[in-house]
Amino acid sequence: MVSGKTTTVDLPDALVREAQDVARAEGTTLRALLEDGLRAVLARRRSATRFELPDASMEGNGLRPVFRDADWEDLRAASYGGPM
C-alpha cells in the first residue's frame, strides 16, 4: 500500500477541468498527472543555473582622481550637474 500526505490545494476551476481532460485522454488519473507535473517543476528548479550578471566593466584606470575620495553627496551632485 502506498501512503502519502493528503493536502488540500485551491486551484482555478478551469485549470482543474483542463487537467482532468488531459488525464482522461492519457488514460491516467488527475493525481498522477499532478504528481508528474510537480516532480517536473521541482527537477527543473533544482537544475536551473543561477543567474550571473555579465561583467560590463569598462577599460580604464578606475575613478577619475577628483572622484576617488568623494562621498555619496559629491558623486550625486556631480551626476546631476552640481559642483564638485
PDB file of N, CA and C in Angstrom:
ATOM      1  N   MET A   1       0.833  -1.174   0.000  1.00  0.00           N
ATOM      2  CA  MET A   1       0.000   0.000   0.000  1.00  0.00           C
ATOM      3  C   MET A   1       0.880   1.240   0.000  1.00  0.00           C
ATOM      4  N   VAL A   2       0.523   2.203  -0.830  1.00  0.00           N
ATOM      5  CA  VAL A   2       1.259   3.450  -0.929  1.00  0.00           C
ATOM      6  C   VAL A   2       0.632   4.453   0.015  1.00  0.00           C
ATOM      7  N   SER A   3       1.481   5.063   0.814  1.00  0.00           N
ATOM      8  CA  SER A   3       0.943   6.076   1.715  1.00  0.00           C
ATOM      9  C   SER A   3       1.430   7.439   1.274  1.00  0.00           C
ATOM     10  N   GLY A   4       0.693   8.442   1.618  1.00  0.00           N
ATOM     11  CA  GLY A   4       1.052   9.801   1.251  1.00  0.00           C
ATOM     12  C   GLY A   4       0.337  10.777   2.138  1.00  0.00           C
ATOM     13  N   LYS A   5       0.630  11.999   1.938  1.00  0.00           N
ATOM     14  CA  LYS A   5       0.012  13.054   2.726  1.00  0.00           C
ATOM     15  C   LYS A   5      -1.164  13.612   1.943  1.00  0.00           C
ATOM     16  N   THR A   6      -2.267  13.765   2.599  1.00  0.00           N
ATOM     17  CA  THR A   6      -3.433  14.365   1.975  1.00  0.00           C
ATOM     18  C   THR A   6      -3.339  15.870   2.179  1.00  0.00           C
ATOM     19  N   THR A   7      -3.403  16.591   1.077  1.00  0.00           N
ATOM     20  CA  THR A   7      -3.270  18.042   1.118  1.00  0.00           C
ATOM     21  C   THR A   7      -4.369  18.661   0.274  1.00  0.00           C
ATOM     22  N   THR A   8      -4.943  19.718   0.776  1.00  0.00           N
ATOM     23  CA  THR A   8      -5.944  20.449   0.018  1.00  0.00           C
ATOM     24  C   THR A   8      -5.264  21.634  -0.647  1.00  0.00           C
ATOM     25  N   VAL A   9      -5.500  21.756  -1.948  1.00  0.00           N
ATOM     26  CA  VAL A   9      -4.907  22.855  -2.710  1.00  0.00           C
ATOM     27  C   VAL A   9      -6.018  23.547  -3.475  1.00  0.00           C
ATOM     28  N   ASP A  10      -6.059  24.856  -3.403  1.00  0.00           N
ATOM     29  CA  ASP A  10      -7.053  25.637  -4.142  1.00  0.00           C
ATOM     30  C   ASP A  10      -6.529  25.904  -5.544  1.00  0.00           C
ATOM     31  N   LEU A  11      -7.208  25.388  -6.547  1.00  0.00           N
ATOM     32  CA  LEU A  11      -6.813  25.589  -7.932  1.00  0.00           C
ATOM     33  C   LEU A  11      -7.977  26.186  -8.708  1.00  0.00           C
ATOM     34  N   PRO A  12      -7.680  26.966  -9.739  1.00  0.00           N
ATOM     35  CA  PRO A  12      -8.763  27.513 -10.554  1.00  0.00           C
ATOM     36  C   PRO A  12      -9.554  26.387 -11.229  1.00  0.00           C
ATOM     37  N   ASP A  13     -10.873  26.536 -11.277  1.00  0.00           N
ATOM     38  CA  ASP A  13     -11.735  25.509 -11.863  1.00  0.00           C
ATOM     39  C   ASP A  13     -11.337  25.163 -13.294  1.00  0.00           C
ATOM     40  N   ALA A  14     -11.035  26.168 -14.096  1.00  0.00           N
ATOM     41  CA  ALA A  14     -10.677  25.924 -15.494  1.00  0.00           C
ATOM     42  C   ALA A  14      -9.408  25.077 -15.597  1.00  0.00           C
ATOM     43  N   LEU A  15      -8.448  25.327 -14.708  1.00  0.00           N
ATOM     44  CA  LEU A  15      -7.207  24.551 -14.716  1.00  0.00           C
ATOM     45  C   LEU A  15      -7.472  23.094 -14.346  1.00  0.00           C
ATOM     46  N   VAL A  16      -8.311  22.883 -13.344  1.00  0.00           N
ATOM     47  CA  VAL A  16      -8.651  21.521 -12.923  1.00  0.00           C
ATOM     48  C   VAL A  16      -9.384  20.780 -14.047  1.00  0.00           C
ATOM     49  N   ARG A  17     -10.325  21.461 -14.691  1.00  0.00           N
ATOM     50  CA  ARG A  17     -11.043  20.816 -15.805  1.00  0.00           C
ATOM     51  C   ARG A  17     -10.091  20.437 -16.933  1.00  0.00           C
ATOM     52  N   GLU A  18      -9.177  21.345 -17.259  1.00  0.00           N
ATOM     53  CA  GLU A  18      -8.205  21.041 -18.323  1.00  0.00           C
ATOM     54  C   GLU A  18      -7.326  19.861 -17.934  1.00  0.00           C
ATOM     55  N   ALA A  19      -6.873  19.843 -16.684  1.00  0.00           N
ATOM     56  CA  ALA A  19      -6.035  18.737 -16.207  1.00  0.00           C
ATOM     57  C   ALA A  19      -6.821  17.425 -16.216  1.00  0.00           C
ATOM     58  N   GLN A  20      -8.088  17.473 -15.834  1.00  0.00           N
ATOM     59  CA  GLN A  20      -8.923  16.265 -15.869  1.00  0.00           C
ATOM     60  C   GLN A  20      -9.082  15.763 -17.302  1.00  0.00           C
ATOM     61  N   ASP A  21      -9.273  16.675 -18.239  1.00  0.00           N
ATOM     62  CA  ASP A  21      -9.396  16.285 -19.648  1.00  0.00           C
ATOM     63  C   ASP A  21      -8.121  15.621 -20.148  1.00  0.00           C
ATOM     64  N   VAL A  22      -6.968  16.199 -19.793  1.00  0.00           N
ATOM     65  CA  VAL A  22      -5.682  15.623 -20.214  1.00  0.00           C
ATOM     66  C   VAL A  22      -5.489  14.249 -19.577  1.00  0.00           C
ATOM     67  N   ALA A  23      -5.779  14.132 -18.293  1.00  0.00           N
ATOM     68  CA  ALA A  23      -5.625  12.850 -17.607  1.00  0.00           C
ATOM     69  C   ALA A  23      -6.517  11.791 -18.250  1.00  0.00           C
ATOM     70  N   ARG A  24      -7.744  12.159 -18.530  1.00  0.00           N
ATOM     71  CA  ARG A  24      -8.685  11.230 -19.162  1.00  0.00           C
ATOM     72  C   ARG A  24      -8.178  10.809 -20.542  1.00  0.00           C
ATOM     73  N   ALA A  25      -7.701  11.768 -21.333  1.00  0.00           N
ATOM     74  CA  ALA A  25      -7.209  11.473 -22.686  1.00  0.00           C
ATOM     75  C   ALA A  25      -5.964  10.591 -22.653  1.00  0.00           C
ATOM     76  N   GLU A  26      -5.167  10.727 -21.598  1.00  0.00           N
ATOM     77  CA  GLU A  26      -3.940   9.936 -21.488  1.00  0.00           C
ATOM     78  C   GLU A  26      -4.158   8.637 -20.719  1.00  0.00           C
ATOM     79  N   GLY A  27      -5.373   8.411 -20.260  1.00  0.00           N
ATOM     80  CA  GLY A  27      -5.669   7.184 -19.534  1.00  0.00           C
ATOM     81  C   GLY A  27      -4.979   7.116 -18.185  1.00  0.00           C
ATOM     82  N   THR A  28      -4.872   8.239 -17.523  1.00  0.00           N
ATOM     83  CA  THR A  28      -4.232   8.272 -16.210  1.00  0.00           C
ATOM     84  C   THR A  28      -5.163   8.995 -15.234  1.00  0.00           C
ATOM     85  N   THR A  29      -4.700   9.193 -14.036  1.00  0.00           N
ATOM     86  CA  THR A  29      -5.519   9.874 -13.031  1.00  0.00           C
ATOM     87  C   THR A  29      -5.058  11.317 -12.870  1.00  0.00           C
ATOM     88  N   LEU A  30      -5.931  12.133 -12.333  1.00  0.00           N
ATOM     89  CA  LEU A  30      -5.570  13.512 -12.051  1.00  0.00           C
ATOM     90  C   LEU A  30      -4.413  13.544 -11.057  1.00  0.00           C
ATOM     91  N   ARG A  31      -4.470  12.680 -10.079  1.00  0.00           N
ATOM     92  CA  ARG A  31      -3.400  12.617  -9.085  1.00  0.00           C
ATOM     93  C   ARG A  31      -2.051  12.327  -9.738  1.00  0.00           C
ATOM     94  N   ALA A  32      -2.003  11.342 -10.642  1.00  0.00           N
ATOM     95  CA  ALA A  32      -0.752  11.000 -11.317  1.00  0.00           C
ATOM     96  C   ALA A  32      -0.255  12.164 -12.162  1.00  0.00           C
ATOM     97  N   LEU A  33      -1.181  12.850 -12.833  1.00  0.00           N
ATOM     98  CA  LEU A  33      -0.808  13.998 -13.652  1.00  0.00           C
ATOM     99  C   LEU A  33      -0.229  15.113 -12.781  1.00  0.00           C
ATOM    100  N   LEU A  34      -0.863  15.377 -11.651  1.00  0.00           N
ATOM    101  CA  LEU A  34      -0.362  16.406 -10.734  1.00  0.00           C
ATOM    102  C   LEU A  34       1.004  16.026 -10.158  1.00  0.00           C
ATOM    103  N   GLU A  35       1.179  14.768  -9.797  1.00  0.00           N
ATOM    104  CA  GLU A  35       2.473  14.317  -9.275  1.00  0.00           C
ATOM    105  C   GLU A  35       3.567  14.499 -10.324  1.00  0.00           C
ATOM    106  N   ASP A  36       3.272  14.094 -11.574  1.00  0.00           N
ATOM    107  CA  ASP A  36       4.262  14.245 -12.648  1.00  0.00           C
ATOM    108  C   ASP A  36       4.622  15.713 -12.848  1.00  0.00           C
ATOM    109  N   GLY A  37       3.601  16.573 -12.852  1.00  0.00           N
ATOM    110  CA  GLY A  37       3.846  17.997 -13.050  1.00  0.00           C
ATOM    111  C   GLY A  37       4.667  18.602 -11.934  1.00  0.00           C
ATOM    112  N   LEU A  38       4.352  18.266 -10.705  1.00  0.00           N
ATOM    113  CA  LEU A  38       5.089  18.793  -9.563  1.00  0.00           C
ATOM    114  C   LEU A  38       6.533  18.295  -9.573  1.00  0.00           C
ATOM    115  N   ARG A  39       6.717  17.021  -9.885  1.00  0.00           N
ATOM    116  CA  ARG A  39       8.086  16.489  -9.980  1.00  0.00           C
ATOM    117  C   ARG A  39       8.891  17.201 -11.073  1.00  0.00           C
ATOM    118  N   ALA A  40       8.243  17.456 -12.215  1.00  0.00           N
ATOM    119  CA  ALA A  40       8.926  18.126 -13.327  1.00  0.00           C
ATOM    120  C   ALA A  40       9.348  19.543 -12.946  1.00  0.00           C
ATOM    121  N   VAL A  41       8.467  20.268 -12.283  1.00  0.00           N
ATOM    122  CA  VAL A  41       8.791  21.630 -11.867  1.00  0.00           C
ATOM    123  C   VAL A  41       9.919  21.624 -10.846  1.00  0.00           C
ATOM    124  N   LEU A  42       9.853  20.727  -9.876  1.00  0.00           N
ATOM    125  CA  LEU A  42      10.907  20.657  -8.859  1.00  0.00           C
ATOM    126  C   LEU A  42      12.254  20.297  -9.480  1.00  0.00           C
ATOM    127  N   ALA A  43      12.264  19.360 -10.406  1.00  0.00           N
ATOM    128  CA  ALA A  43      13.510  18.967 -11.072  1.00  0.00           C
ATOM    129  C   ALA A  43      14.072  20.132 -11.878  1.00  0.00           C
ATOM    130  N   ARG A  44      13.201  20.854 -12.583  1.00  0.00           N
ATOM    131  CA  ARG A  44      13.657  21.992 -13.382  1.00  0.00           C
ATOM    132  C   ARG A  44      14.255  23.070 -12.486  1.00  0.00           C
ATOM    133  N   ARG A  45      13.637  23.310 -11.359  1.00  0.00           N
ATOM    134  CA  ARG A  45      14.158  24.349 -10.463  1.00  0.00           C
ATOM    135  C   ARG A  45      15.464  23.923  -9.799  1.00  0.00           C
ATOM    136  N   ARG A  46      15.599  22.641  -9.506  1.00  0.00           N
ATOM    137  CA  ARG A  46      16.853  22.153  -8.916  1.00  0.00           C
ATOM    138  C   ARG A  46      18.007  22.300  -9.892  1.00  0.00           C
ATOM    139  N   SER A  47      17.732  22.061 -11.171  1.00  0.00           N
ATOM    140  CA  SER A  47      18.807  22.067 -12.155  1.00  0.00           C
ATOM    141  C   SER A  47      19.005  23.427 -12.807  1.00  0.00           C
ATOM    142  N   ALA A  48      18.169  24.401 -12.479  1.00  0.00           N
ATOM    143  CA  ALA A  48      18.299  25.729 -13.084  1.00  0.00           C
ATOM    144  C   ALA A  48      19.618  26.356 -12.669  1.00  0.00           C
ATOM    145  N   THR A  49      20.271  26.938 -13.637  1.00  0.00           N
ATOM    146  CA  THR A  49      21.539  27.596 -13.324  1.00  0.00           C
ATOM    147  C   THR A  49      21.257  28.943 -12.685  1.00  0.00           C
ATOM    148  N   ARG A  50      22.129  29.321 -11.814  1.00  0.00           N
ATOM    149  CA  ARG A  50      21.997  30.583 -11.108  1.00  0.00           C
ATOM    150  C   ARG A  50      22.375  31.719 -12.054  1.00  0.00           C
ATOM    151  N   PHE A  51      21.593  32.783 -12.033  1.00  0.00           N
ATOM    152  CA  PHE A  51      21.873  33.925 -12.891  1.00  0.00           C
ATOM    153  C   PHE A  51      23.137  34.625 -12.431  1.00  0.00           C
ATOM    154  N   GLU A  52      24.009  34.925 -13.374  1.00  0.00           N
ATOM    155  CA  GLU A  52      25.193  35.718 -13.073  1.00  0.00           C
ATOM    156  C   GLU A  52      25.199  36.929 -13.979  1.00  0.00           C
ATOM    157  N   LEU A  53      25.372  38.068 -13.391  1.00  0.00           N
ATOM    158  CA  LEU A  53      25.428  39.299 -14.145  1.00  0.00           C
ATOM    159  C   LEU A  53      26.728  39.324 -14.933  1.00  0.00           C
ATOM    160  N   PRO A  54      26.647  39.511 -16.247  1.00  0.00           N
ATOM    161  CA  PRO A  54      27.881  39.539 -17.027  1.00  0.00           C
ATOM    162  C   PRO A  54      28.732  40.753 -16.666  1.00  0.00           C
ATOM    163  N   ASP A  55      30.013  40.590 -16.782  1.00  0.00           N
ATOM    164  CA  ASP A  55      30.940  41.677 -16.480  1.00  0.00           C
ATOM    165  C   ASP A  55      30.817  42.732 -17.566  1.00  0.00           C
ATOM    166  N   ALA A  56      30.389  43.916 -17.189  1.00  0.00           N
ATOM    167  CA  ALA A  56      30.234  45.007 -18.141  1.00  0.00           C
ATOM    168  C   ALA A  56      31.212  46.132 -17.817  1.00  0.00           C
ATOM    169  N   SER A  57      32.317  45.760 -17.211  1.00  0.00           N
ATOM    170  CA  SER A  57      33.310  46.760 -16.834  1.00  0.00           C
ATOM    171  C   SER A  57      33.873  47.444 -18.068  1.00  0.00           C
ATOM    172  N   MET A  58      34.211  48.684 -17.890  1.00  0.00           N
ATOM    173  CA  MET A  58      34.840  49.457 -18.954  1.00  0.00           C
ATOM    174  C   MET A  58      36.342  49.463 -18.703  1.00  0.00           C
ATOM    175  N   GLU A  59      37.076  49.512 -19.788  1.00  0.00           N
ATOM    176  CA  GLU A  59      38.534  49.603 -19.610  1.00  0.00           C
ATOM    177  C   GLU A  59      38.880  50.985 -19.090  1.00  0.00           C
ATOM    178  N   GLY A  60      39.939  51.085 -18.369  1.00  0.00           N
ATOM    179  CA  GLY A  60      40.364  52.371 -17.840  1.00  0.00           C
ATOM    180  C   GLY A  60      41.099  52.186 -16.538  1.00  0.00           C
ATOM    181  N   ASN A  61      41.265  53.273 -15.845  1.00  0.00           N
ATOM    182  CA  ASN A  61      42.037  53.263 -14.599  1.00  0.00           C
ATOM    183  C   ASN A  61      41.175  53.557 -13.398  1.00  0.00           C
ATOM    184  N   GLY A  62      39.918  53.189 -13.444  1.00  0.00           N
ATOM    185  CA  GLY A  62      39.044  53.413 -12.308  1.00  0.00           C
ATOM    186  C   GLY A  62      38.501  54.826 -12.295  1.00  0.00           C
ATOM    187  N   LEU A  63      38.180  55.307 -11.124  1.00  0.00           N
ATOM    188  CA  LEU A  63      37.604  56.641 -10.988  1.00  0.00           C
ATOM    189  C   LEU A  63      38.632  57.716 -11.319  1.00  0.00           C
ATOM    190  N   ARG A  64      38.114  58.807 -11.845  1.00  0.00           N
ATOM    191  CA  ARG A  64      38.993  59.952 -12.060  1.00  0.00           C
ATOM    192  C   ARG A  64      39.454  60.440 -10.696  1.00  0.00           C
ATOM    193  N   PRO A  65      40.639  61.031 -10.624  1.00  0.00           N
ATOM    194  CA  PRO A  65      41.185  61.466  -9.329  1.00  0.00           C
ATOM    195  C   PRO A  65      40.229  62.336  -8.523  1.00  0.00           C
ATOM    196  N   VAL A  66      39.447  63.194  -9.191  1.00  0.00           N
ATOM    197  CA  VAL A  66      38.546  64.080  -8.474  1.00  0.00           C
ATOM    198  C   VAL A  66      37.460  63.300  -7.723  1.00  0.00           C
ATOM    199  N   PHE A  67      37.172  62.090  -8.173  1.00  0.00           N
ATOM    200  CA  PHE A  67      36.116  61.295  -7.533  1.00  0.00           C
ATOM    201  C   PHE A  67      36.637  60.221  -6.571  1.00  0.00           C
ATOM    202  N   ARG A  68      37.918  59.984  -6.518  1.00  0.00           N
ATOM    203  CA  ARG A  68      38.453  58.870  -5.718  1.00  0.00           C
ATOM    204  C   ARG A  68      38.105  58.974  -4.237  1.00  0.00           C
ATOM    205  N   ASP A  69      38.120  60.151  -3.681  1.00  0.00           N
ATOM    206  CA  ASP A  69      37.811  60.314  -2.256  1.00  0.00           C
ATOM    207  C   ASP A  69      36.454  60.975  -2.025  1.00  0.00           C
ATOM    208  N   ALA A  70      35.634  61.032  -3.080  1.00  0.00           N
ATOM    209  CA  ALA A  70      34.341  61.704  -2.971  1.00  0.00           C
ATOM    210  C   ALA A  70      33.363  60.857  -2.156  1.00  0.00           C
ATOM    211  N   ASP A  71      32.510  61.537  -1.428  1.00  0.00           N
ATOM    212  CA  ASP A  71      31.449  60.821  -0.717  1.00  0.00           C
ATOM    213  C   ASP A  71      30.213  60.767  -1.605  1.00  0.00           C
ATOM    214  N   TRP A  72      29.171  60.126  -1.103  1.00  0.00           N
ATOM    215  CA  TRP A  72      27.969  59.919  -1.909  1.00  0.00           C
ATOM    216  C   TRP A  72      27.357  61.248  -2.350  1.00  0.00           C
ATOM    217  N   GLU A  73      27.316  62.231  -1.485  1.00  0.00           N
ATOM    218  CA  GLU A  73      26.718  63.528  -1.835  1.00  0.00           C
ATOM    219  C   GLU A  73      27.484  64.187  -2.976  1.00  0.00           C
ATOM    220  N   ASP A  74      28.810  64.102  -2.952  1.00  0.00           N
ATOM    221  CA  ASP A  74      29.613  64.682  -4.035  1.00  0.00           C
ATOM    222  C   ASP A  74      29.342  63.959  -5.354  1.00  0.00           C
ATOM    223  N   LEU A  75      29.292  62.627  -5.306  1.00  0.00           N
ATOM    224  CA  LEU A  75      29.025  61.850  -6.520  1.00  0.00           C
ATOM    225  C   LEU A  75      27.636  62.167  -7.069  1.00  0.00           C
ATOM    226  N   ARG A  76      26.677  62.281  -6.184  1.00  0.00           N
ATOM    227  CA  ARG A  76      25.313  62.581  -6.599  1.00  0.00           C
ATOM    228  C   ARG A  76      25.233  63.973  -7.216  1.00  0.00           C
ATOM    229  N   ALA A  77      25.869  64.937  -6.592  1.00  0.00           N
ATOM    230  CA  ALA A  77      25.866  66.304  -7.114  1.00  0.00           C
ATOM    231  C   ALA A  77      26.515  66.337  -8.503  1.00  0.00           C
ATOM    232  N   ALA A  78      27.629  65.640  -8.675  1.00  0.00           N
ATOM    233  CA  ALA A  78      28.310  65.617  -9.964  1.00  0.00           C
ATOM    234  C   ALA A  78      27.448  64.929 -11.021  1.00  0.00           C
ATOM    235  N   SER A  79      26.707  63.905 -10.627  1.00  0.00           N
ATOM    236  CA  SER A  79      25.846  63.179 -11.566  1.00  0.00           C
ATOM    237  C   SER A  79      24.721  64.056 -12.082  1.00  0.00           C
ATOM    238  N   TYR A  80      24.251  64.953 -11.238  1.00  0.00           N
ATOM    239  CA  TYR A  80      23.121  65.799 -11.613  1.00  0.00           C
ATOM    240  C   TYR A  80      23.557  67.211 -11.976  1.00  0.00           C
ATOM    241  N   GLY A  81      24.828  67.393 -12.263  1.00  0.00           N
ATOM    242  CA  GLY A  81      25.302  68.674 -12.764  1.00  0.00           C
ATOM    243  C   GLY A  81      25.672  69.677 -11.707  1.00  0.00           C
ATOM    244  N   GLY A  82      25.759  69.248 -10.476  1.00  0.00           N
ATOM    245  CA  GLY A  82      26.148  70.177  -9.419  1.00  0.00           C
ATOM    246  C   GLY A  82      27.654  70.354  -9.364  1.00  0.00           C
ATOM    247  N   PRO A  83      28.111  71.241  -8.526  1.00  0.00           N
ATOM    248  CA  PRO A  83      29.566  71.473  -8.385  1.00  0.00           C
ATOM    249  C   PRO A  83      30.257  70.304  -7.687  1.00  0.00           C
ATOM    250  N   MET A  84      31.474  70.107  -8.005  1.00  0.00           N
ATOM    251  CA  MET A  84      32.259  69.034  -7.381  1.00  0.00           C
ATOM    252  C   MET A  84      33.449  69.610  -6.700  1.00  0.00           C
TER     253      MET A  84
END
